[in-house]
Amino acid sequence: MEKFEGVLVFDANFGRFAIAKEDDGDPIVPIEFSDSFEVKVNGEWVETGFEIRKDDEGNLIFKLKNTDFSGTIDGLDVRK
């Protein structure tokens, strides 16, 4: 199966994350909370998925499993 590669965006119309083409930013491939996908970390692709955690002030934030990425995660290089 071919993987779609782009950037991670939050699709406010549907209330979910998606992969978008880098040139126009329009969401193309939706990513659900139960999905596994890959994110580029230091030039390497790492398998990840969403977690919801609390920050130091008790606010809920998004975290990507197997990475240090948390909080605002839009714009990361991803593929699914």
C-alpha atoms as a PDB file:
ATOM      1  CA  MET A   1       0.000   0.000   0.000  1.00  0.00           C
ATOM      2  CA  GLU A   2       1.319   3.438  -0.952  1.00  0.00           C
ATOM      3  CA  LYS A   3       1.822   5.930   1.875  1.00  0.00           C
ATOM      4  CA  PHE A   4       0.673   9.522   1.690  1.00  0.00           C
ATOM      5  CA  GLU A   5       3.253  12.049   2.892  1.00  0.00           C
ATOM      6  CA  GLY A   6       2.659  15.663   3.891  1.00  0.00           C
ATOM      7  CA  VAL A   7       2.290  17.868   6.951  1.00  0.00           C
ATOM      8  CA  LEU A   8       0.088  17.419  10.003  1.00  0.00           C
ATOM      9  CA  VAL A   9      -2.811  19.893  10.199  1.00  0.00           C
ATOM     10  CA  PHE A  10      -5.890  20.251  12.374  1.00  0.00           C
ATOM     11  CA  ASP A  11      -9.028  20.177  10.228  1.00  0.00           C
ATOM     12  CA  ALA A  12     -11.350  22.503  12.150  1.00  0.00           C
ATOM     13  CA  ASN A  13     -14.286  21.649   9.835  1.00  0.00           C
ATOM     14  CA  PHE A  14     -14.307  18.048  11.091  1.00  0.00           C
ATOM     15  CA  GLY A  15     -12.545  18.483  14.448  1.00  0.00           C
ATOM     16  CA  ARG A  16      -9.718  16.070  13.666  1.00  0.00           C
ATOM     17  CA  PHE A  17      -6.149  15.954  12.456  1.00  0.00           C
ATOM     18  CA  ALA A  18      -5.262  15.222   8.847  1.00  0.00           C
ATOM     19  CA  ILE A  19      -2.324  15.041   6.490  1.00  0.00           C
ATOM     20  CA  ALA A  20      -2.187  17.917   4.015  1.00  0.00           C
ATOM     21  CA  LYS A  21      -0.078  18.664   0.976  1.00  0.00           C
ATOM     22  CA  GLU A  22       2.689  21.057   1.925  1.00  0.00           C
ATOM     23  CA  ASP A  23       1.979  23.464  -0.930  1.00  0.00           C
ATOM     24  CA  ASP A  24      -1.693  24.250  -0.247  1.00  0.00           C
ATOM     25  CA  GLY A  25      -2.445  23.054   3.306  1.00  0.00           C
ATOM     26  CA  ASP A  26      -5.803  21.500   2.388  1.00  0.00           C
ATOM     27  CA  PRO A  27      -6.520  18.349   4.470  1.00  0.00           C
ATOM     28  CA  ILE A  28      -6.354  15.241   2.295  1.00  0.00           C
ATOM     29  CA  VAL A  29      -5.995  12.150   4.510  1.00  0.00           C
ATOM     30  CA  PRO A  30      -7.781  12.125   7.905  1.00  0.00           C
ATOM     31  CA  ILE A  31      -6.019  10.754  10.980  1.00  0.00           C
ATOM     32  CA  GLU A  32      -8.195   9.340  13.746  1.00  0.00           C
ATOM     33  CA  PHE A  33      -7.055   9.014  17.373  1.00  0.00           C
ATOM     34  CA  SER A  34      -6.802   5.225  17.040  1.00  0.00           C
ATOM     35  CA  ASP A  35      -4.630   5.419  13.888  1.00  0.00           C
ATOM     36  CA  SER A  36      -0.941   4.694  13.682  1.00  0.00           C
ATOM     37  CA  PHE A  37       1.123   6.876  11.379  1.00  0.00           C
ATOM     38  CA  GLU A  38       4.728   8.035  11.055  1.00  0.00           C
ATOM     39  CA  VAL A  39       6.377  11.344  11.900  1.00  0.00           C
ATOM     40  CA  LYS A  40       9.842  12.487  10.855  1.00  0.00           C
ATOM     41  CA  VAL A  41      12.201  12.882  13.836  1.00  0.00           C
ATOM     42  CA  ASN A  42      15.776  13.989  13.131  1.00  0.00           C
ATOM     43  CA  GLY A  43      15.470  12.804   9.524  1.00  0.00           C
ATOM     44  CA  GLU A  44      14.122   9.339  10.474  1.00  0.00           C
ATOM     45  CA  TRP A  45      10.532   8.072  10.248  1.00  0.00           C
ATOM     46  CA  VAL A  46       9.142   6.977  13.639  1.00  0.00           C
ATOM     47  CA  GLU A  47       5.859   5.107  14.125  1.00  0.00           C
ATOM     48  CA  THR A  48       3.521   7.119  16.335  1.00  0.00           C
ATOM     49  CA  GLY A  49      -0.068   7.827  17.300  1.00  0.00           C
ATOM     50  CA  PHE A  50      -1.959  10.330  19.413  1.00  0.00           C
ATOM     51  CA  GLU A  51      -2.074  10.489  23.196  1.00  0.00           C
ATOM     52  CA  ILE A  52      -3.811  13.071  25.331  1.00  0.00           C
ATOM     53  CA  ARG A  53      -1.919  14.123  28.437  1.00  0.00           C
ATOM     54  CA  LYS A  54      -1.943  16.903  30.994  1.00  0.00           C
ATOM     55  CA  ASP A  55       0.733  19.578  31.014  1.00  0.00           C
ATOM     56  CA  ASP A  56       2.287  21.059  34.158  1.00  0.00           C
ATOM     57  CA  GLU A  57      -0.730  23.364  34.645  1.00  0.00           C
ATOM     58  CA  GLY A  58      -3.244  20.517  34.256  1.00  0.00           C
ATOM     59  CA  ASN A  59      -4.343  21.453  30.711  1.00  0.00           C
ATOM     60  CA  LEU A  60      -5.021  18.646  28.235  1.00  0.00           C
ATOM     61  CA  ILE A  61      -2.494  18.535  25.387  1.00  0.00           C
ATOM     62  CA  PHE A  62      -1.793  16.306  22.405  1.00  0.00           C
ATOM     63  CA  LYS A  63       1.333  14.138  22.540  1.00  0.00           C
ATOM     64  CA  LEU A  64       2.776  11.906  19.815  1.00  0.00           C
ATOM     65  CA  LYS A  65       3.821   8.467  21.081  1.00  0.00           C
ATOM     66  CA  ASN A  66       7.508   7.508  20.769  1.00  0.00           C
ATOM     67  CA  THR A  67       8.509  11.184  20.309  1.00  0.00           C
ATOM     68  CA  ASP A  68       9.073  14.332  22.339  1.00  0.00           C
ATOM     69  CA  PHE A  69       6.426  16.187  20.288  1.00  0.00           C
ATOM     70  CA  SER A  70       3.561  17.591  22.365  1.00  0.00           C
ATOM     71  CA  GLY A  71       1.323  20.625  22.574  1.00  0.00           C
ATOM     72  CA  THR A  72       1.088  22.346  19.187  1.00  0.00           C
ATOM     73  CA  ILE A  73       1.922  19.604  16.721  1.00  0.00           C
ATOM     74  CA  ASP A  74       0.645  21.125  13.463  1.00  0.00           C
ATOM     75  CA  GLY A  75       3.171  21.383  10.656  1.00  0.00           C
ATOM     76  CA  LEU A  76       5.165  18.227  11.414  1.00  0.00           C
ATOM     77  CA  ASP A  77       6.219  16.001   8.490  1.00  0.00           C
ATOM     78  CA  VAL A  78       4.014  12.897   8.592  1.00  0.00           C
ATOM     79  CA  ARG A  79       2.999   9.946   6.440  1.00  0.00           C
ATOM     80  CA  LYS A  80       0.318   7.301   6.632  1.00  0.00           C
END
